[in-house]
């Protein structure tokens, strides 16, 4: 589901930004250049990693046996991306009022909450259309995973989009700030959701045993 959502995002984002945002504010957004950048920075590495995993058992075993290490390395490299962008606009960053940044943080949290609510309403319909009780989305764990994946926006995609805008909608370093805030918001919100689901599942299992 993560792979599919990333693929769809790469295809949809450039043209939706160009039509919905660029046209709305009267700014030209290079959709083709943005698509090319997303393909090179996200799709190509994804395909290469998948091919390497499928063709080499050694690569697959190494990835499975070192998931925590690879996740930590990925997080470290991921943190470098917004840090570099923000560093370019350090002087402008100091001019940003805390209240403006707080508004951006709240809007990011609200956007994620809206996406969660929308997808929570949409998943039962998707399950009904794809086989009802036989649908893979009829299983609670699959529906929960789909809800989280479909509601999250990955930081590398956001940063890649901001980089290719070329300052059309503002300084790249400043535009990255709400992206980082939104990324942290969705991690915190989804962590609370997962903990609530786990607690309810534990209580349900304990009630069955009793």
C-alpha atoms as a PDB file:
ATOM      1  CA  UNK A   1       0.000   0.000   0.000  1.00  0.00           C
ATOM      2  CA  UNK A   2       2.900   2.319   0.738  1.00  0.00           C
ATOM      3  CA  UNK A   3       4.415   1.603  -2.677  1.00  0.00           C
ATOM      4  CA  UNK A   4       1.107   2.154  -4.469  1.00  0.00           C
ATOM      5  CA  UNK A   5       0.404   5.410  -2.624  1.00  0.00           C
ATOM      6  CA  UNK A   6       3.894   6.708  -3.446  1.00  0.00           C
ATOM      7  CA  UNK A   7       3.481   5.816  -7.111  1.00  0.00           C
ATOM      8  CA  UNK A   8       0.114   7.549  -7.302  1.00  0.00           C
ATOM      9  CA  UNK A   9       1.515  10.574  -5.473  1.00  0.00           C
ATOM     10  CA  UNK A  10       4.379  10.920  -7.944  1.00  0.00           C
ATOM     11  CA  UNK A  11       1.935  10.914 -10.858  1.00  0.00           C
ATOM     12  CA  UNK A  12      -0.751  13.128  -9.317  1.00  0.00           C
ATOM     13  CA  UNK A  13       1.174  15.768  -7.324  1.00  0.00           C
ATOM     14  CA  UNK A  14       2.886  17.683 -10.170  1.00  0.00           C
ATOM     15  CA  UNK A  15      -0.261  18.261 -12.185  1.00  0.00           C
ATOM     16  CA  UNK A  16      -2.547  18.877  -9.203  1.00  0.00           C
ATOM     17  CA  UNK A  17      -0.177  21.562  -7.878  1.00  0.00           C
ATOM     18  CA  UNK A  18       0.055  23.128 -11.325  1.00  0.00           C
ATOM     19  CA  UNK A  19      -3.718  23.213 -11.851  1.00  0.00           C
ATOM     20  CA  UNK A  20      -5.080  23.798  -8.347  1.00  0.00           C
ATOM     21  CA  UNK A  21      -2.419  25.905  -6.629  1.00  0.00           C
ATOM     22  CA  UNK A  22      -0.422  27.475  -9.445  1.00  0.00           C
ATOM     23  CA  UNK A  23      -3.476  28.539 -11.435  1.00  0.00           C
ATOM     24  CA  UNK A  24      -5.236  29.749  -8.276  1.00  0.00           C
ATOM     25  CA  UNK A  25      -2.487  32.209  -7.310  1.00  0.00           C
ATOM     26  CA  UNK A  26      -1.456  33.085 -10.861  1.00  0.00           C
ATOM     27  CA  UNK A  27       1.936  31.373 -10.675  1.00  0.00           C
ATOM     28  CA  UNK A  28       3.456  29.078 -13.278  1.00  0.00           C
ATOM     29  CA  UNK A  29       4.419  25.735 -11.728  1.00  0.00           C
ATOM     30  CA  UNK A  30       6.722  23.523 -13.862  1.00  0.00           C
ATOM     31  CA  UNK A  31       4.677  20.318 -13.743  1.00  0.00           C
ATOM     32  CA  UNK A  32       6.892  18.351 -16.150  1.00  0.00           C
ATOM     33  CA  UNK A  33      10.108  19.306 -14.345  1.00  0.00           C
ATOM     34  CA  UNK A  34       8.499  18.482 -11.016  1.00  0.00           C
ATOM     35  CA  UNK A  35       7.379  15.081 -12.317  1.00  0.00           C
ATOM     36  CA  UNK A  36      10.878  14.363 -13.621  1.00  0.00           C
ATOM     37  CA  UNK A  37      12.404  15.294 -10.263  1.00  0.00           C
ATOM     38  CA  UNK A  38       9.995  13.079  -8.311  1.00  0.00           C
ATOM     39  CA  UNK A  39      10.677  10.159 -10.645  1.00  0.00           C
ATOM     40  CA  UNK A  40      14.455  10.500 -10.271  1.00  0.00           C
ATOM     41  CA  UNK A  41      14.533  11.115  -6.513  1.00  0.00           C
ATOM     42  CA  UNK A  42      11.725   8.787  -5.384  1.00  0.00           C
ATOM     43  CA  UNK A  43      10.554   6.343  -8.040  1.00  0.00           C
ATOM     44  CA  UNK A  44      13.938   5.216  -9.406  1.00  0.00           C
ATOM     45  CA  UNK A  45      15.426   4.429  -5.947  1.00  0.00           C
ATOM     46  CA  UNK A  46      12.205   2.637  -5.014  1.00  0.00           C
ATOM     47  CA  UNK A  47      12.362   0.443  -8.130  1.00  0.00           C
ATOM     48  CA  UNK A  48      16.088  -0.259  -7.714  1.00  0.00           C
ATOM     49  CA  UNK A  49      15.588  -1.284  -4.092  1.00  0.00           C
ATOM     50  CA  UNK A  50      12.658  -3.538  -4.960  1.00  0.00           C
ATOM     51  CA  UNK A  51      14.550  -5.181  -7.822  1.00  0.00           C
ATOM     52  CA  UNK A  52      17.640  -5.736  -5.650  1.00  0.00           C
ATOM     53  CA  UNK A  53      15.506  -7.297  -2.926  1.00  0.00           C
ATOM     54  CA  UNK A  54      13.729  -9.646  -5.332  1.00  0.00           C
ATOM     55  CA  UNK A  55      16.856 -10.714  -7.241  1.00  0.00           C
ATOM     56  CA  UNK A  56      19.229 -11.165  -4.317  1.00  0.00           C
ATOM     57  CA  UNK A  57      18.343 -13.263  -1.295  1.00  0.00           C
ATOM     58  CA  UNK A  58      21.375 -11.830   0.494  1.00  0.00           C
ATOM     59  CA  UNK A  59      20.038  -8.282   0.114  1.00  0.00           C
ATOM     60  CA  UNK A  60      16.595  -9.362   1.326  1.00  0.00           C
ATOM     61  CA  UNK A  61      18.018 -11.180   4.343  1.00  0.00           C
ATOM     62  CA  UNK A  62      20.255  -8.225   5.225  1.00  0.00           C
ATOM     63  CA  UNK A  63      17.305  -5.803   4.998  1.00  0.00           C
ATOM     64  CA  UNK A  64      15.074  -8.061   7.100  1.00  0.00           C
ATOM     65  CA  UNK A  65      17.766  -8.653   9.707  1.00  0.00           C
ATOM     66  CA  UNK A  66      18.756  -4.988  10.052  1.00  0.00           C
ATOM     67  CA  UNK A  67      15.432  -3.185   9.884  1.00  0.00           C
ATOM     68  CA  UNK A  68      16.059  -1.035  12.949  1.00  0.00           C
ATOM     69  CA  UNK A  69      19.519  -0.028  11.749  1.00  0.00           C
ATOM     70  CA  UNK A  70      18.284   0.797   8.245  1.00  0.00           C
ATOM     71  CA  UNK A  71      15.337   2.740   9.668  1.00  0.00           C
ATOM     72  CA  UNK A  72      17.715   4.762  11.849  1.00  0.00           C
ATOM     73  CA  UNK A  73      20.027   5.491   8.902  1.00  0.00           C
ATOM     74  CA  UNK A  74      17.023   6.481   6.790  1.00  0.00           C
ATOM     75  CA  UNK A  75      15.790   8.852   9.506  1.00  0.00           C
ATOM     76  CA  UNK A  76      19.231  10.455   9.805  1.00  0.00           C
ATOM     77  CA  UNK A  77      19.519  11.047   6.073  1.00  0.00           C
ATOM     78  CA  UNK A  78      15.930  12.263   5.965  1.00  0.00           C
ATOM     79  CA  UNK A  79      16.696  14.884   8.623  1.00  0.00           C
ATOM     80  CA  UNK A  80      19.508  16.280   6.465  1.00  0.00           C
ATOM     81  CA  UNK A  81      17.120  17.218   3.655  1.00  0.00           C
ATOM     82  CA  UNK A  82      15.007  19.857   5.453  1.00  0.00           C
ATOM     83  CA  UNK A  83      18.058  20.994   7.440  1.00  0.00           C
ATOM     84  CA  UNK A  84      19.875  21.906   4.220  1.00  0.00           C
ATOM     85  CA  UNK A  85      16.811  23.700   2.869  1.00  0.00           C
ATOM     86  CA  UNK A  86      16.239  25.677   6.063  1.00  0.00           C
ATOM     87  CA  UNK A  87      19.929  26.600   6.309  1.00  0.00           C
ATOM     88  CA  UNK A  88      19.685  28.371   2.962  1.00  0.00           C
ATOM     89  CA  UNK A  89      17.088  30.756   4.387  1.00  0.00           C
ATOM     90  CA  UNK A  90      18.502  31.246   7.864  1.00  0.00           C
ATOM     91  CA  UNK A  91      18.295  35.029   7.714  1.00  0.00           C
ATOM     92  CA  UNK A  92      14.638  34.933   6.649  1.00  0.00           C
ATOM     93  CA  UNK A  93      13.863  32.265   9.215  1.00  0.00           C
ATOM     94  CA  UNK A  94      14.723  34.659  12.027  1.00  0.00           C
ATOM     95  CA  UNK A  95      12.067  37.068  10.718  1.00  0.00           C
ATOM     96  CA  UNK A  96       9.232  34.533  10.992  1.00  0.00           C
ATOM     97  CA  UNK A  97       6.881  35.380  13.843  1.00  0.00           C
ATOM     98  CA  UNK A  98       6.165  32.544  16.302  1.00  0.00           C
ATOM     99  CA  UNK A  99       2.436  33.091  15.854  1.00  0.00           C
ATOM    100  CA  UNK A 100       2.726  32.533  12.097  1.00  0.00           C
ATOM    101  CA  UNK A 101       4.686  29.327  12.627  1.00  0.00           C
ATOM    102  CA  UNK A 102       2.133  28.171  15.216  1.00  0.00           C
ATOM    103  CA  UNK A 103      -0.671  28.721  12.710  1.00  0.00           C
ATOM    104  CA  UNK A 104       1.230  26.590  10.169  1.00  0.00           C
ATOM    105  CA  UNK A 105       1.647  23.819  12.766  1.00  0.00           C
ATOM    106  CA  UNK A 106      -2.060  23.861  13.634  1.00  0.00           C
ATOM    107  CA  UNK A 107      -3.067  23.838   9.952  1.00  0.00           C
ATOM    108  CA  UNK A 108      -0.814  20.844   9.344  1.00  0.00           C
ATOM    109  CA  UNK A 109      -2.437  18.969  12.228  1.00  0.00           C
ATOM    110  CA  UNK A 110      -5.924  19.897  10.997  1.00  0.00           C
ATOM    111  CA  UNK A 111      -5.082  18.723   7.476  1.00  0.00           C
ATOM    112  CA  UNK A 112      -3.981  15.343   8.790  1.00  0.00           C
ATOM    113  CA  UNK A 113      -7.105  15.073  10.959  1.00  0.00           C
ATOM    114  CA  UNK A 114      -9.304  15.872   7.945  1.00  0.00           C
ATOM    115  CA  UNK A 115      -7.533  13.232   5.845  1.00  0.00           C
ATOM    116  CA  UNK A 116      -7.952  10.670   8.624  1.00  0.00           C
ATOM    117  CA  UNK A 117     -11.674  11.414   8.880  1.00  0.00           C
ATOM    118  CA  UNK A 118     -12.155  11.362   5.099  1.00  0.00           C
ATOM    119  CA  UNK A 119     -10.312   8.073   4.645  1.00  0.00           C
ATOM    120  CA  UNK A 120     -12.082   6.516   7.634  1.00  0.00           C
ATOM    121  CA  UNK A 121     -15.387   7.185   5.855  1.00  0.00           C
ATOM    122  CA  UNK A 122     -14.073   6.052   2.465  1.00  0.00           C
ATOM    123  CA  UNK A 123     -12.462   2.726   3.461  1.00  0.00           C
ATOM    124  CA  UNK A 124     -15.772   0.921   4.256  1.00  0.00           C
ATOM    125  CA  UNK A 125     -17.048   1.866   0.784  1.00  0.00           C
ATOM    126  CA  UNK A 126     -13.809   0.640  -0.770  1.00  0.00           C
ATOM    127  CA  UNK A 127     -14.168  -2.614   1.148  1.00  0.00           C
ATOM    128  CA  UNK A 128     -17.758  -3.052  -0.038  1.00  0.00           C
ATOM    129  CA  UNK A 129     -16.816  -2.415  -3.673  1.00  0.00           C
ATOM    130  CA  UNK A 130     -13.833  -4.793  -3.594  1.00  0.00           C
ATOM    131  CA  UNK A 131     -15.588  -7.903  -2.329  1.00  0.00           C
ATOM    132  CA  UNK A 132     -17.398  -7.091   0.892  1.00  0.00           C
ATOM    133  CA  UNK A 133     -16.434  -9.490   3.663  1.00  0.00           C
ATOM    134  CA  UNK A 134     -13.915 -11.168   1.325  1.00  0.00           C
ATOM    135  CA  UNK A 135     -12.124  -7.890   0.629  1.00  0.00           C
ATOM    136  CA  UNK A 136      -8.616  -7.527   2.103  1.00  0.00           C
ATOM    137  CA  UNK A 137      -9.754  -4.202   3.512  1.00  0.00           C
ATOM    138  CA  UNK A 138     -12.461  -5.962   5.536  1.00  0.00           C
ATOM    139  CA  UNK A 139      -9.713  -7.102   7.912  1.00  0.00           C
ATOM    140  CA  UNK A 140      -9.224  -4.635  10.716  1.00  0.00           C
ATOM    141  CA  UNK A 141      -5.427  -4.623  10.529  1.00  0.00           C
ATOM    142  CA  UNK A 142      -5.450  -3.942   6.766  1.00  0.00           C
ATOM    143  CA  UNK A 143      -8.034  -1.188   7.115  1.00  0.00           C
ATOM    144  CA  UNK A 144      -6.003   0.446   9.891  1.00  0.00           C
ATOM    145  CA  UNK A 145      -2.811   0.287   7.840  1.00  0.00           C
ATOM    146  CA  UNK A 146      -4.575   1.769   4.804  1.00  0.00           C
ATOM    147  CA  UNK A 147      -6.049   4.551   6.943  1.00  0.00           C
ATOM    148  CA  UNK A 148      -2.626   5.626   8.206  1.00  0.00           C
ATOM    149  CA  UNK A 149      -0.784   5.273   4.895  1.00  0.00           C
ATOM    150  CA  UNK A 150      -3.451   7.105   2.894  1.00  0.00           C
ATOM    151  CA  UNK A 151      -3.574   9.964   5.400  1.00  0.00           C
ATOM    152  CA  UNK A 152       0.164  10.592   5.673  1.00  0.00           C
ATOM    153  CA  UNK A 153       2.253  12.877   3.501  1.00  0.00           C
ATOM    154  CA  UNK A 154       5.923  11.912   3.317  1.00  0.00           C
ATOM    155  CA  UNK A 155       8.575  14.552   3.973  1.00  0.00           C
ATOM    156  CA  UNK A 156      10.833  13.616   1.001  1.00  0.00           C
ATOM    157  CA  UNK A 157       7.951  14.200  -1.412  1.00  0.00           C
ATOM    158  CA  UNK A 158       7.116  17.548   0.156  1.00  0.00           C
ATOM    159  CA  UNK A 159      10.741  18.695   0.098  1.00  0.00           C
ATOM    160  CA  UNK A 160      11.176  17.536  -3.520  1.00  0.00           C
ATOM    161  CA  UNK A 161       8.082  19.514  -4.510  1.00  0.00           C
ATOM    162  CA  UNK A 162       9.259  22.658  -2.683  1.00  0.00           C
ATOM    163  CA  UNK A 163      12.724  22.410  -4.262  1.00  0.00           C
ATOM    164  CA  UNK A 164      11.323  22.265  -7.791  1.00  0.00           C
ATOM    165  CA  UNK A 165       8.988  25.218  -7.285  1.00  0.00           C
ATOM    166  CA  UNK A 166      12.057  27.437  -7.610  1.00  0.00           C
ATOM    167  CA  UNK A 167      10.728  30.065  -5.220  1.00  0.00           C
ATOM    168  CA  UNK A 168       7.491  30.525  -7.179  1.00  0.00           C
ATOM    169  CA  UNK A 169       5.407  30.331  -4.000  1.00  0.00           C
ATOM    170  CA  UNK A 170       8.026  31.672  -1.592  1.00  0.00           C
ATOM    171  CA  UNK A 171      11.505  30.954  -0.258  1.00  0.00           C
ATOM    172  CA  UNK A 172      12.191  27.215  -0.244  1.00  0.00           C
ATOM    173  CA  UNK A 173      13.670  27.229   3.245  1.00  0.00           C
ATOM    174  CA  UNK A 174      10.564  28.856   4.686  1.00  0.00           C
ATOM    175  CA  UNK A 175       8.175  26.575   2.793  1.00  0.00           C
ATOM    176  CA  UNK A 176       9.952  23.528   4.205  1.00  0.00           C
ATOM    177  CA  UNK A 177       9.249  24.585   7.816  1.00  0.00           C
ATOM    178  CA  UNK A 178       5.492  23.822   7.784  1.00  0.00           C
ATOM    179  CA  UNK A 179       6.302  20.605   5.898  1.00  0.00           C
ATOM    180  CA  UNK A 180       8.571  19.477   8.739  1.00  0.00           C
ATOM    181  CA  UNK A 181       5.951  20.522  11.297  1.00  0.00           C
ATOM    182  CA  UNK A 182       3.248  18.598   9.438  1.00  0.00           C
ATOM    183  CA  UNK A 183       5.498  15.536   9.246  1.00  0.00           C
ATOM    184  CA  UNK A 184       6.110  15.613  13.012  1.00  0.00           C
ATOM    185  CA  UNK A 185       2.419  16.252  13.685  1.00  0.00           C
ATOM    186  CA  UNK A 186       1.281  13.201  11.752  1.00  0.00           C
ATOM    187  CA  UNK A 187       3.862  10.995  13.493  1.00  0.00           C
ATOM    188  CA  UNK A 188       2.636  12.150  16.922  1.00  0.00           C
ATOM    189  CA  UNK A 189      -1.073  11.866  16.027  1.00  0.00           C
ATOM    190  CA  UNK A 190      -0.717   8.454  14.430  1.00  0.00           C
ATOM    191  CA  UNK A 191       1.374   7.193  17.361  1.00  0.00           C
ATOM    192  CA  UNK A 192      -1.498   8.091  19.682  1.00  0.00           C
ATOM    193  CA  UNK A 193      -3.964   6.342  17.370  1.00  0.00           C
ATOM    194  CA  UNK A 194      -1.889   3.163  17.221  1.00  0.00           C
ATOM    195  CA  UNK A 195      -1.468   3.113  20.999  1.00  0.00           C
ATOM    196  CA  UNK A 196      -5.244   3.494  21.443  1.00  0.00           C
ATOM    197  CA  UNK A 197      -5.914   0.672  18.958  1.00  0.00           C
ATOM    198  CA  UNK A 198      -3.430  -1.609  20.710  1.00  0.00           C
ATOM    199  CA  UNK A 199      -4.921  -0.862  24.120  1.00  0.00           C
ATOM    200  CA  UNK A 200      -8.442  -1.605  22.879  1.00  0.00           C
ATOM    201  CA  UNK A 201      -7.267  -4.816  21.235  1.00  0.00           C
ATOM    202  CA  UNK A 202      -5.563  -5.902  24.466  1.00  0.00           C
ATOM    203  CA  UNK A 203      -8.699  -5.131  26.486  1.00  0.00           C
ATOM    204  CA  UNK A 204     -10.810  -7.079  23.990  1.00  0.00           C
ATOM    205  CA  UNK A 205      -8.490 -10.116  24.159  1.00  0.00           C
ATOM    206  CA  UNK A 206      -8.494  -9.985  27.967  1.00  0.00           C
ATOM    207  CA  UNK A 207     -12.290  -9.814  27.978  1.00  0.00           C
ATOM    208  CA  UNK A 208     -12.473 -12.881  25.715  1.00  0.00           C
ATOM    209  CA  UNK A 209     -10.168 -14.840  28.006  1.00  0.00           C
ATOM    210  CA  UNK A 210     -12.177 -13.816  31.065  1.00  0.00           C
END
